[in-house]
C-alpha atoms as a PDB file:
ATOM      1  CA  MET A   1     -60.806  51.657  27.676  1.00  0.00           C
ATOM      2  CA  VAL A   2     -61.317  52.371  31.361  1.00  0.00           C
ATOM      3  CA  GLN A   3     -63.540  49.948  33.268  1.00  0.00           C
ATOM      4  CA  ASP A   4     -66.129  50.987  35.887  1.00  0.00           C
ATOM      5  CA  ALA A   5     -64.044  49.221  38.577  1.00  0.00           C
ATOM      6  CA  GLN A   6     -61.179  51.666  37.900  1.00  0.00           C
ATOM      7  CA  ILE A   7     -63.201  54.792  38.731  1.00  0.00           C
ATOM      8  CA  GLY A   8     -61.662  56.494  41.756  1.00  0.00           C
ATOM      9  CA  TYR A   9     -58.221  54.971  41.130  1.00  0.00           C
ATOM     10  CA  ARG A  10     -55.106  56.035  39.252  1.00  0.00           C
ATOM     11  CA  VAL A  11     -54.275  53.773  36.288  1.00  0.00           C
ATOM     12  CA  ALA A  12     -51.053  52.819  34.510  1.00  0.00           C
ATOM     13  CA  LEU A  13     -50.670  50.799  31.329  1.00  0.00           C
ATOM     14  CA  ARG A  14     -48.062  48.120  30.788  1.00  0.00           C
ATOM     15  CA  ALA A  15     -46.913  47.037  27.327  1.00  0.00           C
ATOM     16  CA  HIS A  16     -44.471  44.321  26.383  1.00  0.00           C
ATOM     17  CA  ALA A  17     -42.843  43.306  23.127  1.00  0.00           C
ATOM     18  CA  ASP A  18     -41.175  40.050  22.237  1.00  0.00           C
ATOM     19  CA  ASN A  19     -39.336  39.478  18.961  1.00  0.00           C
ATOM     20  CA  SER A  20     -36.054  38.105  17.587  1.00  0.00           C
ATOM     21  CA  ALA A  21     -34.168  41.075  19.099  1.00  0.00           C
ATOM     22  CA  GLY A  22     -35.363  40.185  22.617  1.00  0.00           C
ATOM     23  CA  TYR A  23     -38.001  41.098  25.153  1.00  0.00           C
ATOM     24  CA  ASP A  24     -38.872  44.516  26.603  1.00  0.00           C
ATOM     25  CA  GLN A  25     -41.532  45.736  28.982  1.00  0.00           C
ATOM     26  CA  ARG A  26     -42.522  49.324  29.777  1.00  0.00           C
ATOM     27  CA  ARG A  27     -45.058  50.926  32.087  1.00  0.00           C
ATOM     28  CA  SER A  28     -46.702  54.303  31.633  1.00  0.00           C
ATOM     29  CA  LYS A  29     -46.935  56.979  34.284  1.00  0.00           C
ATOM     30  CA  LEU A  30     -49.995  56.898  36.530  1.00  0.00           C
ATOM     31  CA  THR A  31     -52.981  58.865  35.304  1.00  0.00           C
ATOM     32  CA  PRO A  32     -54.864  61.335  37.476  1.00  0.00           C
ATOM     33  CA  VAL A  33     -57.710  59.727  39.452  1.00  0.00           C
ATOM     34  CA  VAL A  34     -60.191  58.233  36.967  1.00  0.00           C
ATOM     35  CA  VAL A  35     -63.653  59.853  36.992  1.00  0.00           C
ATOM     36  CA  ALA A  36     -66.853  58.650  35.362  1.00  0.00           C
ATOM     37  CA  ALA A  37     -67.236  59.799  31.769  1.00  0.00           C
ATOM     38  CA  THR A  38     -70.035  62.161  30.850  1.00  0.00           C
ATOM     39  CA  PRO A  39     -71.897  61.357  27.642  1.00  0.00           C
ATOM     40  CA  SER A  40     -71.161  63.775  24.826  1.00  0.00           C
ATOM     41  CA  ALA A  41     -72.376  64.296  21.316  1.00  0.00           C
ATOM     42  CA  PRO A  42     -70.000  63.269  18.506  1.00  0.00           C
ATOM     43  CA  LEU A  43     -67.945  66.049  16.971  1.00  0.00           C
ATOM     44  CA  PRO A  44     -68.723  67.110  13.383  1.00  0.00           C
ATOM     45  CA  GLY A  45     -67.376  64.479  10.991  1.00  0.00           C
ATOM     46  CA  GLN A  46     -67.034  61.878  13.780  1.00  0.00           C
ATOM     47  CA  THR A  47     -68.857  58.564  13.531  1.00  0.00           C
ATOM     48  CA  PRO A  48     -70.967  58.087  16.680  1.00  0.00           C
ATOM     49  CA  ASP A  49     -70.664  54.270  16.872  1.00  0.00           C
ATOM     50  CA  VAL A  50     -66.989  53.477  16.456  1.00  0.00           C
ATOM     51  CA  ALA A  51     -66.115  49.860  17.175  1.00  0.00           C
ATOM     52  CA  PRO A  52     -63.592  49.569  20.014  1.00  0.00           C
ATOM     53  CA  GLY A  53     -60.182  48.012  19.392  1.00  0.00           C
ATOM     54  CA  PRO A  54     -59.199  44.633  20.791  1.00  0.00           C
ATOM     55  CA  ASP A  55     -59.402  44.226  24.568  1.00  0.00           C
ATOM     56  CA  PRO A  56     -55.880  44.797  25.943  1.00  0.00           C
ATOM     57  CA  GLY A  57     -56.347  42.044  28.512  1.00  0.00           C
ATOM     58  CA  PRO A  58     -56.580  42.201  32.292  1.00  0.00           C
ATOM     59  CA  ASP A  59     -52.811  42.491  32.912  1.00  0.00           C
ATOM     60  CA  LEU A  60     -52.407  45.724  30.949  1.00  0.00           C
ATOM     61  CA  ALA A  61     -54.400  48.053  33.208  1.00  0.00           C
ATOM     62  CA  ILE A  62     -53.216  48.476  36.775  1.00  0.00           C
ATOM     63  CA  ALA A  63     -55.434  50.293  39.263  1.00  0.00           C
ATOM     64  CA  ILE A  64     -53.495  51.482  42.297  1.00  0.00           C
ATOM     65  CA  PRO A  65     -55.680  52.777  45.147  1.00  0.00           C
ATOM     66  CA  GLY A  66     -54.254  55.523  47.311  1.00  0.00           C
ATOM     67  CA  ALA A  67     -51.200  56.204  45.144  1.00  0.00           C
ATOM     68  CA  PRO A  68     -49.837  59.702  45.563  1.00  0.00           C
ATOM     69  CA  SER A  69     -50.757  62.120  42.799  1.00  0.00           C
ATOM     70  CA  SER A  70     -49.299  65.506  41.964  1.00  0.00           C
ATOM     71  CA  GLY A  71     -52.495  67.323  42.910  1.00  0.00           C
ATOM     72  CA  ALA A  72     -53.354  65.224  45.956  1.00  0.00           C
ATOM     73  CA  THR A  73     -53.573  66.788  49.383  1.00  0.00           C
ATOM     74  CA  ARG A  74     -52.826  63.442  51.034  1.00  0.00           C
ATOM     75  CA  GLN A  75     -49.325  63.150  52.483  1.00  0.00           C
ATOM     76  CA  PHE A  76     -47.284  60.150  51.306  1.00  0.00           C
ATOM     77  CA  PRO A  77     -45.217  58.603  54.129  1.00  0.00           C
ATOM     78  CA  SER A  78     -41.496  59.365  54.252  1.00  0.00           C
ATOM     79  CA  ALA A  79     -38.586  58.363  56.476  1.00  0.00           C
ATOM     80  CA  ARG A  80     -35.479  60.483  57.040  1.00  0.00           C
ATOM     81  CA  ILE A  81     -32.211  59.371  58.618  1.00  0.00           C
ATOM     82  CA  LYS A  82     -29.194  61.518  59.408  1.00  0.00           C
ATOM     83  CA  GLY A  83     -25.996  60.689  61.295  1.00  0.00           C
ATOM     84  CA  THR A  84     -22.267  60.018  61.301  1.00  0.00           C
ATOM     85  CA  VAL A  85     -20.509  56.884  60.036  1.00  0.00           C
ATOM     86  CA  PHE A  86     -17.782  55.195  62.111  1.00  0.00           C
ATOM     87  CA  ALA A  87     -15.666  52.093  61.512  1.00  0.00           C
ATOM     88  CA  SER A  88     -17.769  50.151  64.042  1.00  0.00           C
ATOM     89  CA  GLY A  89     -21.199  51.407  62.896  1.00  0.00           C
ATOM     90  CA  ALA A  90     -23.056  54.721  62.823  1.00  0.00           C
ATOM     91  CA  ARG A  91     -24.325  57.319  65.263  1.00  0.00           C
ATOM     92  CA  ILE A  92     -27.900  58.143  64.276  1.00  0.00           C
ATOM     93  CA  GLY A  93     -28.563  61.817  65.013  1.00  0.00           C
ATOM     94  CA  LEU A  94     -32.040  61.989  63.479  1.00  0.00           C
ATOM     95  CA  LEU A  95     -34.565  59.312  62.563  1.00  0.00           C
ATOM     96  CA  ARG A  96     -37.948  60.771  61.644  1.00  0.00           C
ATOM     97  CA  VAL A  97     -41.067  59.390  59.991  1.00  0.00           C
ATOM     98  CA  LYS A  98     -43.658  61.673  58.399  1.00  0.00           C
ATOM     99  CA  ALA A  99     -47.043  60.130  57.761  1.00  0.00           C
ATOM    100  CA  PRO A 100     -50.741  61.034  57.804  1.00  0.00           C
ATOM    101  CA  SER A 101     -52.139  61.386  61.334  1.00  0.00           C
ATOM    102  CA  LYS A 102     -54.253  58.199  61.099  1.00  0.00           C
ATOM    103  CA  ALA A 103     -51.366  56.048  59.818  1.00  0.00           C
ATOM    104  CA  THR A 104     -49.809  53.263  61.874  1.00  0.00           C
ATOM    105  CA  VAL A 105     -46.021  53.352  62.136  1.00  0.00           C
ATOM    106  CA  VAL A 106     -44.315  50.116  63.238  1.00  0.00           C
ATOM    107  CA  VAL A 107     -40.572  50.188  63.939  1.00  0.00           C
ATOM    108  CA  ARG A 108     -38.349  47.187  64.523  1.00  0.00           C
ATOM    109  CA  CYS A 109     -34.607  46.941  65.101  1.00  0.00           C
ATOM    110  CA  ASP A 110     -32.733  43.627  64.860  1.00  0.00           C
ATOM    111  CA  GLY A 111     -29.082  42.862  65.324  1.00  0.00           C
ATOM    112  CA  PRO A 112     -26.254  43.915  67.612  1.00  0.00           C
ATOM    113  CA  GLY A 113     -27.137  46.592  70.150  1.00  0.00           C
ATOM    114  CA  CYS A 114     -30.777  47.037  69.121  1.00  0.00           C
ATOM    115  CA  ASN A 115     -33.180  47.814  71.939  1.00  0.00           C
ATOM    116  CA  VAL A 116     -36.396  48.195  69.902  1.00  0.00           C
ATOM    117  CA  ARG A 117     -37.827  44.804  69.000  1.00  0.00           C
ATOM    118  CA  ARG A 118     -41.214  46.068  67.789  1.00  0.00           C
ATOM    119  CA  ARG A 119     -42.938  49.305  68.610  1.00  0.00           C
ATOM    120  CA  SER A 120     -46.040  50.992  67.197  1.00  0.00           C
ATOM    121  CA  LEU A 121     -45.730  54.760  67.005  1.00  0.00           C
ATOM    122  CA  GLY A 122     -47.207  57.755  65.284  1.00  0.00           C
ATOM    123  CA  SER A 123     -45.543  60.186  62.940  1.00  0.00           C
ATOM    124  CA  GLY A 124     -42.450  61.957  64.304  1.00  0.00           C
ATOM    125  CA  ARG A 125     -38.973  61.249  65.682  1.00  0.00           C
ATOM    126  CA  ILE A 126     -37.903  57.768  66.734  1.00  0.00           C
ATOM    127  CA  ALA A 127     -35.734  58.901  69.650  1.00  0.00           C
ATOM    128  CA  SER A 128     -35.035  55.379  70.954  1.00  0.00           C
ATOM    129  CA  LEU A 129     -32.904  54.699  67.846  1.00  0.00           C
ATOM    130  CA  GLU A 130     -31.134  58.063  67.748  1.00  0.00           C
ATOM    131  CA  ARG A 131     -27.870  56.741  69.173  1.00  0.00           C
ATOM    132  CA  LEU A 132     -24.818  54.664  68.234  1.00  0.00           C
ATOM    133  CA  LEU A 133     -25.766  51.475  66.393  1.00  0.00           C
ATOM    134  CA  ARG A 134     -23.202  48.812  65.602  1.00  0.00           C
ATOM    135  CA  ALA A 135     -22.572  47.402  62.142  1.00  0.00           C
ATOM    136  CA  GLY A 136     -25.141  44.722  61.300  1.00  0.00           C
ATOM    137  CA  ALA A 137     -28.085  46.432  63.007  1.00  0.00           C
ATOM    138  CA  ARG A 138     -31.221  46.485  60.828  1.00  0.00           C
ATOM    139  CA  ILE A 139     -33.999  49.042  61.271  1.00  0.00           C
ATOM    140  CA  THR A 140     -37.338  48.256  59.607  1.00  0.00           C
ATOM    141  CA  ILE A 141     -40.088  50.889  59.374  1.00  0.00           C
ATOM    142  CA  ARG A 142     -43.601  50.071  58.122  1.00  0.00           C
ATOM    143  CA  VAL A 143     -46.161  52.834  57.639  1.00  0.00           C
ATOM    144  CA  SER A 144     -49.694  51.722  56.774  1.00  0.00           C
ATOM    145  CA  MET A 145     -53.172  53.187  56.621  1.00  0.00           C
ATOM    146  CA  GLY A 146     -56.201  51.134  55.613  1.00  0.00           C
ATOM    147  CA  GLY A 147     -56.905  51.204  51.877  1.00  0.00           C
ATOM    148  CA  SER A 148     -53.834  53.286  50.959  1.00  0.00           C
ATOM    149  CA  ILE A 149     -50.366  52.492  49.718  1.00  0.00           C
ATOM    150  CA  GLY A 150     -47.979  52.406  52.666  1.00  0.00           C
ATOM    151  CA  LYS A 151     -44.234  52.846  53.040  1.00  0.00           C
ATOM    152  CA  TYR A 152     -41.578  50.237  53.859  1.00  0.00           C
ATOM    153  CA  VAL A 153     -38.020  51.261  54.742  1.00  0.00           C
ATOM    154  CA  ARG A 154     -35.165  48.935  55.726  1.00  0.00           C
ATOM    155  CA  ILE A 155     -31.888  50.476  56.879  1.00  0.00           C
ATOM    156  CA  VAL A 156     -28.814  48.283  57.465  1.00  0.00           C
ATOM    157  CA  ILE A 157     -25.968  49.850  59.453  1.00  0.00           C
ATOM    158  CA  ARG A 158     -22.540  49.119  57.952  1.00  0.00           C
ATOM    159  CA  GLY A 159     -19.130  49.774  59.472  1.00  0.00           C
ATOM    160  CA  GLY A 160     -17.170  52.486  57.657  1.00  0.00           C
ATOM    161  CA  HIS A 161     -19.881  53.005  55.000  1.00  0.00           C
ATOM    162  CA  LYS A 162     -23.151  54.865  54.854  1.00  0.00           C
ATOM    163  CA  PRO A 163     -26.136  52.691  55.826  1.00  0.00           C
ATOM    164  CA  LYS A 164     -27.711  50.596  53.090  1.00  0.00           C
ATOM    165  CA  ARG A 165     -31.304  51.683  52.545  1.00  0.00           C
ATOM    166  CA  LEU A 166     -34.216  50.008  50.790  1.00  0.00           C
ATOM    167  CA  ASP A 167     -37.434  51.941  50.157  1.00  0.00           C
ATOM    168  CA  ALA A 168     -40.519  50.079  48.955  1.00  0.00           C
ATOM    169  CA  CYS A 169     -44.311  50.302  49.100  1.00  0.00           C
ATOM    170  CA  LEU A 170     -46.891  48.284  50.994  1.00  0.00           C
ATOM    171  CA  LEU A 171     -49.965  47.666  48.860  1.00  0.00           C
ATOM    172  CA  PRO A 172     -53.325  47.491  50.649  1.00  0.00           C
ATOM    173  CA  GLY A 173     -54.027  43.999  51.983  1.00  0.00           C
ATOM    174  CA  ARG A 174     -50.482  42.708  51.383  1.00  0.00           C
ATOM    175  CA  LEU A 175     -47.665  42.129  53.864  1.00  0.00           C
ATOM    176  CA  ALA A 176     -44.703  41.849  51.493  1.00  0.00           C
ATOM    177  CA  PRO A 177     -43.177  45.126  50.259  1.00  0.00           C
ATOM    178  CA  VAL A 178     -43.106  45.800  46.505  1.00  0.00           C
ATOM    179  CA  LYS A 179     -41.384  48.285  44.219  1.00  0.00           C
ATOM    180  CA  CYS A 180     -43.236  51.601  44.409  1.00  0.00           C
ATOM    181  CA  PRO A 181     -45.227  52.799  41.396  1.00  0.00           C
ATOM    182  CA  ARG A 182     -43.835  55.889  39.719  1.00  0.00           C
ATOM    183  CA  PRO A 183     -45.942  59.040  40.231  1.00  0.00           C
END
């Protein structure tokens, strides 16, 4: 049963089972944005006052504000990197962040040869990092917008291999990145 506090949010359900064969946990896909129910008359043959089942508990319903939905017009942040790998690192030819116009984009580069310690930008190309970066350089991109799920990207340059990339989400009011919910 949907609670009043979940109206305006997308909801997912989580179920877990534990028996002699082991433990398993699954999560449903996110629903469309929850709207308030309109009262309706019972269908023919339907009992109007059906007792609800047991309360699933507070950890089974997850409301995720600002999560992207298939019909949403809101743009979910994305980061794109393109370049060439060398034995000593990588030449970044394109580093671009797409985000809503009111989003804050914070870029940081740590490690050998990085010249961007922390910079707040808007959506678009990050030209200061489109150059040769040595192995061990770490680029961190945080895209946030009040009340919405943000984007976290960490790219680690490796010698002779494509960069290692981690994509995660930033939940509203939290600093630590988390695994993104599935749309």
